[in-house]
Amino acid sequence: MPNKQPPPVLQAEGLTKRYGRRTALSGVDLSVPAGRVIGLVGPNGAGKSTLLHLACGLIEPTSGTLRVLGSAPAAGPSHLARVGFVAQDTPVYGSFTVADHLRMGAKLNPGWDGALAERRIAQAGLNPDQRAGGLSGGQRAQLALTIAAAKRPDLLIFDEPAAALDPLARTGFLRNLLEFVAELGAAAVLSSHLLGDIERVCDHLVVLCASRVQLAGDVRDVLAAHRRLVAPRGALARPPAGIEVIWSEGAGEHDTAVVRGDAVPPAPFKAEPVSLEDILLAYMTRASGTTGEGTR
């Protein structure tokens, strides 16, 4: 018999979350396969934090459903142990030492891997007797990452964890994130508006903008499905059959567009490769023209 495929890491159907009259997520349908490092991309206020808080069971949806690793979010102690979460600003307890954080992690998590935690703390150059309030931003991020990973979860969730870090600290954080994913055999969701970070470490993308998913898929499939088209001014008003214009602009005598589709464009259209960053910006630019009820 063939091996049974693991359930999707995240699976949403009609997922909606409102805060009073404001809509943070609207009718989100999403299925993210297991074994991926997922980049959750979107501008500030796109609803990324709301989606992750729903996935962690910190809030409940207004309507629709969301399943995480095949179960309802925070379905019980065993399910909670399968998810490690690092919130924005990598919060730690300022009056606790690094060693205090590890002892607390051991008490709260039955599957705590003390050897892993101590090894990673040493590799990060953290003094176990140092109070967290005296750590740099990069050191706090390394501590929070270690605590989340030492649970040995099946899924690590990061909500803008490196946005406030300087480039060197951010590079170190992302490198260690990938090392943890490989060591644990875990999936990871990394929320960020920093497209360079997403491009560096993620192999699956979810673009969230204007409360909705604009694009989702493995990076290689996204790159293969999109191109840049250059054409005489006005020609893109009627694109070739089988080609969807995501975004376009005119300059001089030519129009340039980011398009999706497998059709081979005839002359006078000229097709060129397009970068992942340009694809993401095209979808977010298109979505930003949509009037919504407000996001968070």
C-alpha atoms as a PDB file:
ATOM      1  CA  MET A   1       0.000   0.000   0.000  1.00  0.00           C
ATOM      2  CA  PRO A   2       1.266   3.523  -0.769  1.00  0.00           C
ATOM      3  CA  ASN A   3       2.353   5.688   2.117  1.00  0.00           C
ATOM      4  CA  LYS A   4      -0.398   7.903   3.460  1.00  0.00           C
ATOM      5  CA  GLN A   5       0.266  11.560   2.747  1.00  0.00           C
ATOM      6  CA  PRO A   6       0.467  13.810   5.833  1.00  0.00           C
ATOM      7  CA  PRO A   7      -2.341  16.341   6.203  1.00  0.00           C
ATOM      8  CA  PRO A   8      -1.796  19.908   5.029  1.00  0.00           C
ATOM      9  CA  VAL A   9       0.085  22.125   7.450  1.00  0.00           C
ATOM     10  CA  LEU A  10      -2.666  24.731   7.093  1.00  0.00           C
ATOM     11  CA  GLN A  11      -6.053  24.201   5.490  1.00  0.00           C
ATOM     12  CA  ALA A  12      -8.636  26.991   5.435  1.00  0.00           C
ATOM     13  CA  GLU A  13     -12.081  27.079   3.892  1.00  0.00           C
ATOM     14  CA  GLY A  14     -14.033  30.319   3.793  1.00  0.00           C
ATOM     15  CA  LEU A  15     -11.978  31.594   6.731  1.00  0.00           C
ATOM     16  CA  THR A  16     -13.196  35.007   7.866  1.00  0.00           C
ATOM     17  CA  LYS A  17     -12.266  37.126  10.848  1.00  0.00           C
ATOM     18  CA  ARG A  18     -13.895  40.430  11.691  1.00  0.00           C
ATOM     19  CA  TYR A  19     -13.177  42.872  14.500  1.00  0.00           C
ATOM     20  CA  GLY A  20     -16.418  44.769  14.758  1.00  0.00           C
ATOM     21  CA  ARG A  21     -16.914  46.373  11.354  1.00  0.00           C
ATOM     22  CA  ARG A  22     -13.348  45.763  10.262  1.00  0.00           C
ATOM     23  CA  THR A  23     -12.547  42.669   8.223  1.00  0.00           C
ATOM     24  CA  ALA A  24      -9.084  41.211   8.752  1.00  0.00           C
ATOM     25  CA  LEU A  25      -9.625  38.056   6.676  1.00  0.00           C
ATOM     26  CA  SER A  26     -12.379  37.512   4.138  1.00  0.00           C
ATOM     27  CA  GLY A  27     -13.324  34.104   2.755  1.00  0.00           C
ATOM     28  CA  VAL A  28      -9.791  32.699   2.740  1.00  0.00           C
ATOM     29  CA  ASP A  29      -9.374  29.312   1.030  1.00  0.00           C
ATOM     30  CA  LEU A  30      -5.922  27.825   1.462  1.00  0.00           C
ATOM     31  CA  SER A  31      -4.155  24.460   1.510  1.00  0.00           C
ATOM     32  CA  VAL A  32      -0.435  24.349   2.332  1.00  0.00           C
ATOM     33  CA  PRO A  33       1.259  20.949   1.928  1.00  0.00           C
ATOM     34  CA  ALA A  34       3.497  19.452   4.584  1.00  0.00           C
ATOM     35  CA  GLY A  35       7.272  19.651   4.512  1.00  0.00           C
ATOM     36  CA  ARG A  36       7.554  23.252   3.372  1.00  0.00           C
ATOM     37  CA  VAL A  37       9.097  26.464   4.634  1.00  0.00           C
ATOM     38  CA  ILE A  38       6.204  28.793   3.931  1.00  0.00           C
ATOM     39  CA  GLY A  39       6.602  32.503   3.371  1.00  0.00           C
ATOM     40  CA  LEU A  40       3.492  34.441   4.375  1.00  0.00           C
ATOM     41  CA  VAL A  41       3.942  37.707   2.497  1.00  0.00           C
ATOM     42  CA  GLY A  42       1.979  40.927   2.525  1.00  0.00           C
ATOM     43  CA  PRO A  43       2.081  44.581   3.493  1.00  0.00           C
ATOM     44  CA  ASN A  44       1.542  45.743   7.045  1.00  0.00           C
ATOM     45  CA  GLY A  45      -2.144  45.425   7.867  1.00  0.00           C
ATOM     46  CA  ALA A  46      -2.747  42.621   5.378  1.00  0.00           C
ATOM     47  CA  GLY A  47      -4.093  40.173   7.972  1.00  0.00           C
ATOM     48  CA  LYS A  48      -0.947  38.061   8.380  1.00  0.00           C
ATOM     49  CA  SER A  49      -0.884  38.236  12.183  1.00  0.00           C
ATOM     50  CA  THR A  50      -4.585  37.458  12.322  1.00  0.00           C
ATOM     51  CA  LEU A  51      -4.086  34.286  10.270  1.00  0.00           C
ATOM     52  CA  LEU A  52      -1.218  33.142  12.491  1.00  0.00           C
ATOM     53  CA  HIS A  53      -3.103  33.911  15.700  1.00  0.00           C
ATOM     54  CA  LEU A  54      -5.994  31.832  14.365  1.00  0.00           C
ATOM     55  CA  ALA A  55      -3.561  29.019  13.551  1.00  0.00           C
ATOM     56  CA  CYS A  56      -2.229  29.078  17.119  1.00  0.00           C
ATOM     57  CA  GLY A  57      -5.720  29.088  18.629  1.00  0.00           C
ATOM     58  CA  LEU A  58      -5.219  32.501  20.234  1.00  0.00           C
ATOM     59  CA  ILE A  59      -8.389  33.822  18.578  1.00  0.00           C
ATOM     60  CA  GLU A  60     -11.376  32.196  16.895  1.00  0.00           C
ATOM     61  CA  PRO A  61     -12.716  32.804  13.385  1.00  0.00           C
ATOM     62  CA  THR A  62     -15.912  34.713  12.739  1.00  0.00           C
ATOM     63  CA  SER A  63     -16.848  32.107  10.141  1.00  0.00           C
ATOM     64  CA  GLY A  64     -15.257  29.401   8.052  1.00  0.00           C
ATOM     65  CA  THR A  65     -12.817  26.727   9.183  1.00  0.00           C
ATOM     66  CA  LEU A  66      -9.088  26.333   9.751  1.00  0.00           C
ATOM     67  CA  ARG A  67      -7.192  23.135  10.427  1.00  0.00           C
ATOM     68  CA  VAL A  68      -3.558  22.972  11.505  1.00  0.00           C
ATOM     69  CA  LEU A  69      -1.679  19.685  11.038  1.00  0.00           C
ATOM     70  CA  GLY A  70      -5.045  18.039  10.418  1.00  0.00           C
ATOM     71  CA  SER A  71      -6.764  19.246  13.614  1.00  0.00           C
ATOM     72  CA  ALA A  72      -8.527  22.301  14.922  1.00  0.00           C
ATOM     73  CA  PRO A  73      -6.034  24.876  16.257  1.00  0.00           C
ATOM     74  CA  ALA A  74      -4.989  24.211  19.863  1.00  0.00           C
ATOM     75  CA  ALA A  75      -7.208  21.130  19.909  1.00  0.00           C
ATOM     76  CA  GLY A  76      -5.585  19.864  23.121  1.00  0.00           C
ATOM     77  CA  PRO A  77      -2.288  19.592  24.994  1.00  0.00           C
ATOM     78  CA  SER A  78      -0.808  17.126  22.513  1.00  0.00           C
ATOM     79  CA  HIS A  79      -1.670  19.378  19.585  1.00  0.00           C
ATOM     80  CA  LEU A  80      -0.312  22.459  21.348  1.00  0.00           C
ATOM     81  CA  ALA A  81       2.974  20.633  21.791  1.00  0.00           C
ATOM     82  CA  ARG A  82       3.205  20.142  18.032  1.00  0.00           C
ATOM     83  CA  VAL A  83       3.271  23.885  17.295  1.00  0.00           C
ATOM     84  CA  GLY A  84       6.021  26.330  18.260  1.00  0.00           C
ATOM     85  CA  PHE A  85       5.176  30.039  18.003  1.00  0.00           C
ATOM     86  CA  VAL A  86       7.440  33.090  18.009  1.00  0.00           C
ATOM     87  CA  ALA A  87       5.364  36.281  18.139  1.00  0.00           C
ATOM     88  CA  GLN A  88       6.287  39.730  16.903  1.00  0.00           C
ATOM     89  CA  ASP A  89       9.242  41.364  18.689  1.00  0.00           C
ATOM     90  CA  THR A  90      10.312  37.871  19.923  1.00  0.00           C
ATOM     91  CA  PRO A  91       8.927  38.453  23.448  1.00  0.00           C
ATOM     92  CA  VAL A  92      10.897  37.143  26.415  1.00  0.00           C
ATOM     93  CA  TYR A  93      10.742  37.890  30.145  1.00  0.00           C
ATOM     94  CA  GLY A  94      13.183  40.689  30.895  1.00  0.00           C
ATOM     95  CA  SER A  95      13.723  39.762  34.552  1.00  0.00           C
ATOM     96  CA  PHE A  96      14.383  36.083  33.748  1.00  0.00           C
ATOM     97  CA  THR A  97      17.844  34.832  32.911  1.00  0.00           C
ATOM     98  CA  VAL A  98      18.496  32.749  29.825  1.00  0.00           C
ATOM     99  CA  ALA A  99      18.709  29.665  32.075  1.00  0.00           C
ATOM    100  CA  ASP A 100      15.365  30.605  33.699  1.00  0.00           C
ATOM    101  CA  HIS A 101      13.740  30.561  30.256  1.00  0.00           C
ATOM    102  CA  LEU A 102      15.080  27.085  29.560  1.00  0.00           C
ATOM    103  CA  ARG A 103      13.888  25.782  32.938  1.00  0.00           C
ATOM    104  CA  MET A 104      10.450  27.253  32.291  1.00  0.00           C
ATOM    105  CA  GLY A 105      10.374  25.635  28.850  1.00  0.00           C
ATOM    106  CA  ALA A 106      11.216  22.269  30.393  1.00  0.00           C
ATOM    107  CA  LYS A 107       8.374  22.562  32.923  1.00  0.00           C
ATOM    108  CA  LEU A 108       5.763  23.622  30.382  1.00  0.00           C
ATOM    109  CA  ASN A 109       6.600  21.206  27.553  1.00  0.00           C
ATOM    110  CA  PRO A 110       6.578  17.419  28.066  1.00  0.00           C
ATOM    111  CA  GLY A 111       8.630  16.839  24.923  1.00  0.00           C
ATOM    112  CA  TRP A 112      11.276  19.417  25.839  1.00  0.00           C
ATOM    113  CA  ASP A 113      14.721  18.656  24.403  1.00  0.00           C
ATOM    114  CA  GLY A 114      17.092  20.108  26.984  1.00  0.00           C
ATOM    115  CA  ALA A 115      20.215  19.014  25.132  1.00  0.00           C
ATOM    116  CA  LEU A 116      19.109  20.783  21.980  1.00  0.00           C
ATOM    117  CA  ALA A 117      18.264  23.958  23.906  1.00  0.00           C
ATOM    118  CA  GLU A 118      21.582  24.079  25.747  1.00  0.00           C
ATOM    119  CA  ARG A 119      23.558  23.334  22.598  1.00  0.00           C
ATOM    120  CA  ARG A 120      21.832  26.080  20.619  1.00  0.00           C
ATOM    121  CA  ILE A 121      22.207  28.613  23.432  1.00  0.00           C
ATOM    122  CA  ALA A 122      25.932  27.899  23.515  1.00  0.00           C
ATOM    123  CA  GLN A 123      26.204  28.178  19.726  1.00  0.00           C
ATOM    124  CA  ALA A 124      24.446  31.564  19.859  1.00  0.00           C
ATOM    125  CA  GLY A 125      26.970  32.759  22.442  1.00  0.00           C
ATOM    126  CA  LEU A 126      24.326  33.454  25.109  1.00  0.00           C
ATOM    127  CA  ASN A 127      25.356  33.556  28.763  1.00  0.00           C
ATOM    128  CA  PRO A 128      22.906  31.392  30.755  1.00  0.00           C
ATOM    129  CA  ASP A 129      23.170  33.820  33.699  1.00  0.00           C
ATOM    130  CA  GLN A 130      22.356  36.915  31.596  1.00  0.00           C
ATOM    131  CA  ARG A 131      18.938  38.474  32.196  1.00  0.00           C
ATOM    132  CA  ALA A 132      16.872  38.651  29.034  1.00  0.00           C
ATOM    133  CA  GLY A 133      16.234  42.360  29.528  1.00  0.00           C
ATOM    134  CA  GLY A 134      19.912  42.986  28.908  1.00  0.00           C
ATOM    135  CA  LEU A 135      20.107  41.020  25.656  1.00  0.00           C
ATOM    136  CA  SER A 136      20.341  42.638  22.244  1.00  0.00           C
ATOM    137  CA  GLY A 137      17.473  42.281  19.803  1.00  0.00           C
ATOM    138  CA  GLY A 138      19.292  39.554  17.922  1.00  0.00           C
ATOM    139  CA  GLN A 139      20.054  37.658  21.114  1.00  0.00           C
ATOM    140  CA  ARG A 140      16.427  37.842  22.250  1.00  0.00           C
ATOM    141  CA  ALA A 141      15.383  36.504  18.862  1.00  0.00           C
ATOM    142  CA  GLN A 142      17.807  33.588  19.198  1.00  0.00           C
ATOM    143  CA  LEU A 143      16.483  32.820  22.680  1.00  0.00           C
ATOM    144  CA  ALA A 144      12.846  32.871  21.549  1.00  0.00           C
ATOM    145  CA  LEU A 145      13.688  30.696  18.546  1.00  0.00           C
ATOM    146  CA  THR A 146      15.493  28.167  20.751  1.00  0.00           C
ATOM    147  CA  ILE A 147      12.570  27.941  23.191  1.00  0.00           C
ATOM    148  CA  ALA A 148      10.098  27.359  20.354  1.00  0.00           C
ATOM    149  CA  ALA A 149      12.279  24.716  18.695  1.00  0.00           C
ATOM    150  CA  ALA A 150      13.210  22.828  21.889  1.00  0.00           C
ATOM    151  CA  LYS A 151       9.574  21.755  22.142  1.00  0.00           C
ATOM    152  CA  ARG A 152      10.438  19.633  19.079  1.00  0.00           C
ATOM    153  CA  PRO A 153       7.270  20.756  17.275  1.00  0.00           C
ATOM    154  CA  ASP A 154       6.042  19.614  13.878  1.00  0.00           C
ATOM    155  CA  LEU A 155       5.298  23.206  12.900  1.00  0.00           C
ATOM    156  CA  LEU A 156       7.147  26.414  13.730  1.00  0.00           C
ATOM    157  CA  ILE A 157       5.247  29.696  13.285  1.00  0.00           C
ATOM    158  CA  PHE A 158       7.060  33.036  13.147  1.00  0.00           C
ATOM    159  CA  ASP A 159       5.168  36.343  13.103  1.00  0.00           C
ATOM    160  CA  GLU A 160       7.542  39.024  11.746  1.00  0.00           C
ATOM    161  CA  PRO A 161      10.310  37.790  14.081  1.00  0.00           C
ATOM    162  CA  ALA A 162      13.212  39.545  12.374  1.00  0.00           C
ATOM    163  CA  ALA A 163      11.659  42.785  11.154  1.00  0.00           C
ATOM    164  CA  ALA A 164      13.297  44.930  13.846  1.00  0.00           C
ATOM    165  CA  LEU A 165      16.728  43.288  13.641  1.00  0.00           C
ATOM    166  CA  ASP A 166      19.746  44.755  11.897  1.00  0.00           C
ATOM    167  CA  PRO A 167      20.865  42.948   8.704  1.00  0.00           C
ATOM    168  CA  LEU A 168      23.579  40.895  10.432  1.00  0.00           C
ATOM    169  CA  ALA A 169      21.288  39.719  13.254  1.00  0.00           C
ATOM    170  CA  ARG A 170      18.499  38.995  10.773  1.00  0.00           C
ATOM    171  CA  THR A 171      20.819  36.890   8.617  1.00  0.00           C
ATOM    172  CA  GLY A 172      21.886  34.871  11.670  1.00  0.00           C
ATOM    173  CA  PHE A 173      18.289  34.370  12.761  1.00  0.00           C
ATOM    174  CA  LEU A 174      17.182  33.127   9.345  1.00  0.00           C
ATOM    175  CA  ARG A 175      20.177  30.783   9.089  1.00  0.00           C
ATOM    176  CA  ASN A 176      19.354  29.257  12.471  1.00  0.00           C
ATOM    177  CA  LEU A 177      15.691  28.983  11.544  1.00  0.00           C
ATOM    178  CA  LEU A 178      16.627  26.800   8.574  1.00  0.00           C
ATOM    179  CA  GLU A 179      18.975  24.747  10.744  1.00  0.00           C
ATOM    180  CA  PHE A 180      16.169  24.054  13.226  1.00  0.00           C
ATOM    181  CA  VAL A 181      13.754  23.100  10.444  1.00  0.00           C
ATOM    182  CA  ALA A 182      16.284  20.626   9.056  1.00  0.00           C
ATOM    183  CA  GLU A 183      17.169  19.180  12.481  1.00  0.00           C
ATOM    184  CA  LEU A 184      13.560  18.770  13.585  1.00  0.00           C
ATOM    185  CA  GLY A 185      12.129  17.740  10.233  1.00  0.00           C
ATOM    186  CA  ALA A 186       9.475  20.384  10.850  1.00  0.00           C
ATOM    187  CA  ALA A 187       7.484  22.691   8.616  1.00  0.00           C
ATOM    188  CA  ALA A 188       7.685  26.419   9.216  1.00  0.00           C
ATOM    189  CA  VAL A 189       5.588  29.482   8.474  1.00  0.00           C
ATOM    190  CA  LEU A 190       7.491  32.761   8.312  1.00  0.00           C
ATOM    191  CA  SER A 191       5.399  35.927   8.137  1.00  0.00           C
ATOM    192  CA  SER A 192       7.231  38.960   6.815  1.00  0.00           C
ATOM    193  CA  HIS A 193       6.892  42.050   4.675  1.00  0.00           C
ATOM    194  CA  LEU A 194      10.643  41.825   3.916  1.00  0.00           C
ATOM    195  CA  LEU A 195      10.638  40.145   0.524  1.00  0.00           C
ATOM    196  CA  GLY A 196      14.374  39.468   0.566  1.00  0.00           C
ATOM    197  CA  ASP A 197      14.014  37.338   3.702  1.00  0.00           C
ATOM    198  CA  ILE A 198      11.201  35.332   2.151  1.00  0.00           C
ATOM    199  CA  GLU A 199      13.146  34.764  -1.058  1.00  0.00           C
ATOM    200  CA  ARG A 200      16.186  33.637   0.927  1.00  0.00           C
ATOM    201  CA  VAL A 201      14.640  30.864   3.015  1.00  0.00           C
ATOM    202  CA  CYS A 202      11.159  29.870   1.768  1.00  0.00           C
ATOM    203  CA  ASP A 203      10.147  27.251  -0.794  1.00  0.00           C
ATOM    204  CA  HIS A 204       6.377  27.895  -0.647  1.00  0.00           C
ATOM    205  CA  LEU A 205       4.555  31.236  -0.803  1.00  0.00           C
ATOM    206  CA  VAL A 206       1.267  32.638   0.390  1.00  0.00           C
ATOM    207  CA  VAL A 207       0.625  36.241  -0.650  1.00  0.00           C
ATOM    208  CA  LEU A 208      -1.962  37.896   1.583  1.00  0.00           C
ATOM    209  CA  CYS A 209      -3.267  41.353   0.745  1.00  0.00           C
ATOM    210  CA  ALA A 210      -6.573  43.184   1.165  1.00  0.00           C
ATOM    211  CA  SER A 211      -7.804  40.414   3.519  1.00  0.00           C
ATOM    212  CA  ARG A 212      -7.520  37.697   0.871  1.00  0.00           C
ATOM    213  CA  VAL A 213      -5.012  35.217  -0.498  1.00  0.00           C
ATOM    214  CA  GLN A 214      -3.761  36.623  -3.798  1.00  0.00           C
ATOM    215  CA  LEU A 215      -1.309  33.840  -4.674  1.00  0.00           C
ATOM    216  CA  ALA A 216      -0.181  30.536  -3.167  1.00  0.00           C
ATOM    217  CA  GLY A 217       2.166  27.823  -4.365  1.00  0.00           C
ATOM    218  CA  ASP A 218       5.653  26.360  -4.357  1.00  0.00           C
ATOM    219  CA  VAL A 219       8.282  28.917  -5.355  1.00  0.00           C
ATOM    220  CA  ARG A 220       9.483  26.933  -8.373  1.00  0.00           C
ATOM    221  CA  ASP A 221       5.914  26.610  -9.685  1.00  0.00           C
ATOM    222  CA  VAL A 222       5.253  30.324  -9.153  1.00  0.00           C
ATOM    223  CA  LEU A 223       8.415  31.265 -11.055  1.00  0.00           C
ATOM    224  CA  ALA A 224       7.592  28.861 -13.883  1.00  0.00           C
ATOM    225  CA  ALA A 225       4.063  30.243 -14.285  1.00  0.00           C
ATOM    226  CA  HIS A 226       4.992  33.945 -14.534  1.00  0.00           C
ATOM    227  CA  ARG A 227       6.873  36.072 -17.048  1.00  0.00           C
ATOM    228  CA  ARG A 228       7.462  39.677 -17.944  1.00  0.00           C
ATOM    229  CA  LEU A 229       5.925  40.864 -21.220  1.00  0.00           C
ATOM    230  CA  VAL A 230       7.114  43.900 -23.143  1.00  0.00           C
ATOM    231  CA  ALA A 231       4.893  45.210 -25.929  1.00  0.00           C
ATOM    232  CA  PRO A 232       4.172  48.357 -27.916  1.00  0.00           C
ATOM    233  CA  ARG A 233       2.180  50.941 -25.981  1.00  0.00           C
ATOM    234  CA  GLY A 234      -1.473  49.888 -25.674  1.00  0.00           C
ATOM    235  CA  ALA A 235      -0.985  46.324 -26.942  1.00  0.00           C
ATOM    236  CA  LEU A 236      -1.450  44.848 -23.458  1.00  0.00           C
ATOM    237  CA  ALA A 237      -5.005  46.158 -23.349  1.00  0.00           C
ATOM    238  CA  ARG A 238      -5.800  42.936 -25.250  1.00  0.00           C
ATOM    239  CA  PRO A 239      -3.273  40.345 -24.055  1.00  0.00           C
ATOM    240  CA  PRO A 240      -2.757  37.100 -25.985  1.00  0.00           C
ATOM    241  CA  ALA A 241      -5.133  34.240 -25.224  1.00  0.00           C
ATOM    242  CA  GLY A 242      -4.091  32.170 -22.209  1.00  0.00           C
ATOM    243  CA  ILE A 243      -2.216  35.031 -20.547  1.00  0.00           C
ATOM    244  CA  GLU A 244      -3.441  36.925 -17.463  1.00  0.00           C
ATOM    245  CA  VAL A 245      -1.992  40.375 -16.821  1.00  0.00           C
ATOM    246  CA  ILE A 246      -1.271  40.761 -13.112  1.00  0.00           C
ATOM    247  CA  TRP A 247       0.263  44.240 -13.274  1.00  0.00           C
ATOM    248  CA  SER A 248       1.399  46.592 -16.037  1.00  0.00           C
ATOM    249  CA  GLU A 249       2.833  50.035 -16.585  1.00  0.00           C
ATOM    250  CA  GLY A 250       3.740  52.165 -19.551  1.00  0.00           C
ATOM    251  CA  ALA A 251       7.022  53.918 -20.210  1.00  0.00           C
ATOM    252  CA  GLY A 252       7.779  55.694 -23.438  1.00  0.00           C
ATOM    253  CA  GLU A 253       6.705  53.666 -26.439  1.00  0.00           C
ATOM    254  CA  HIS A 254       6.334  50.378 -24.563  1.00  0.00           C
ATOM    255  CA  ASP A 255       4.202  48.721 -21.905  1.00  0.00           C
ATOM    256  CA  THR A 256       5.681  46.243 -19.441  1.00  0.00           C
ATOM    257  CA  ALA A 257       3.633  43.665 -17.553  1.00  0.00           C
ATOM    258  CA  VAL A 258       4.001  40.783 -15.130  1.00  0.00           C
ATOM    259  CA  VAL A 259       1.782  38.023 -16.512  1.00  0.00           C
ATOM    260  CA  ARG A 260       0.697  34.508 -15.670  1.00  0.00           C
ATOM    261  CA  GLY A 261       0.118  31.753 -18.215  1.00  0.00           C
ATOM    262  CA  ASP A 262       1.827  29.103 -20.335  1.00  0.00           C
ATOM    263  CA  ALA A 263       0.845  30.453 -23.756  1.00  0.00           C
ATOM    264  CA  VAL A 264       3.682  31.522 -26.059  1.00  0.00           C
ATOM    265  CA  PRO A 265       3.047  35.195 -26.857  1.00  0.00           C
ATOM    266  CA  PRO A 266       3.187  36.123 -30.563  1.00  0.00           C
ATOM    267  CA  ALA A 267       4.989  39.148 -31.961  1.00  0.00           C
ATOM    268  CA  PRO A 268       5.077  42.013 -31.089  1.00  0.00           C
ATOM    269  CA  PHE A 269       5.021  40.692 -27.497  1.00  0.00           C
ATOM    270  CA  LYS A 270       8.413  39.867 -26.013  1.00  0.00           C
ATOM    271  CA  ALA A 271       8.652  37.506 -23.037  1.00  0.00           C
ATOM    272  CA  GLU A 272      11.396  37.746 -20.400  1.00  0.00           C
ATOM    273  CA  PRO A 273      12.096  35.995 -17.078  1.00  0.00           C
ATOM    274  CA  VAL A 274      10.770  37.749 -13.997  1.00  0.00           C
ATOM    275  CA  SER A 275      12.100  37.726 -10.445  1.00  0.00           C
ATOM    276  CA  LEU A 276      10.179  36.398  -7.474  1.00  0.00           C
ATOM    277  CA  GLU A 277      10.215  39.841  -5.877  1.00  0.00           C
ATOM    278  CA  ASP A 278       8.639  41.404  -8.977  1.00  0.00           C
ATOM    279  CA  ILE A 279       5.923  38.726  -8.980  1.00  0.00           C
ATOM    280  CA  LEU A 280       5.087  39.362  -5.328  1.00  0.00           C
ATOM    281  CA  LEU A 281       5.039  43.123  -5.830  1.00  0.00           C
ATOM    282  CA  ALA A 282       2.773  42.729  -8.860  1.00  0.00           C
ATOM    283  CA  TYR A 283       0.144  40.819  -6.887  1.00  0.00           C
ATOM    284  CA  MET A 284       0.314  43.185  -3.913  1.00  0.00           C
ATOM    285  CA  THR A 285       0.099  46.240  -6.157  1.00  0.00           C
ATOM    286  CA  ARG A 286      -2.945  44.828  -7.925  1.00  0.00           C
ATOM    287  CA  ALA A 287      -4.647  43.987  -4.638  1.00  0.00           C
ATOM    288  CA  SER A 288      -3.889  47.360  -3.065  1.00  0.00           C
ATOM    289  CA  GLY A 289      -6.315  49.000  -5.471  1.00  0.00           C
ATOM    290  CA  THR A 290      -9.183  46.979  -3.948  1.00  0.00           C
ATOM    291  CA  THR A 291     -11.352  48.859  -1.500  1.00  0.00           C
ATOM    292  CA  GLY A 292     -11.842  46.839   1.665  1.00  0.00           C
ATOM    293  CA  GLU A 293     -13.389  47.268   5.056  1.00  0.00           C
ATOM    294  CA  GLY A 294     -10.029  47.654   6.752  1.00  0.00           C
ATOM    295  CA  THR A 295      -7.488  45.071   7.862  1.00  0.00           C
ATOM    296  CA  ARG A 296      -5.213  44.422  10.782  1.00  0.00           C
END
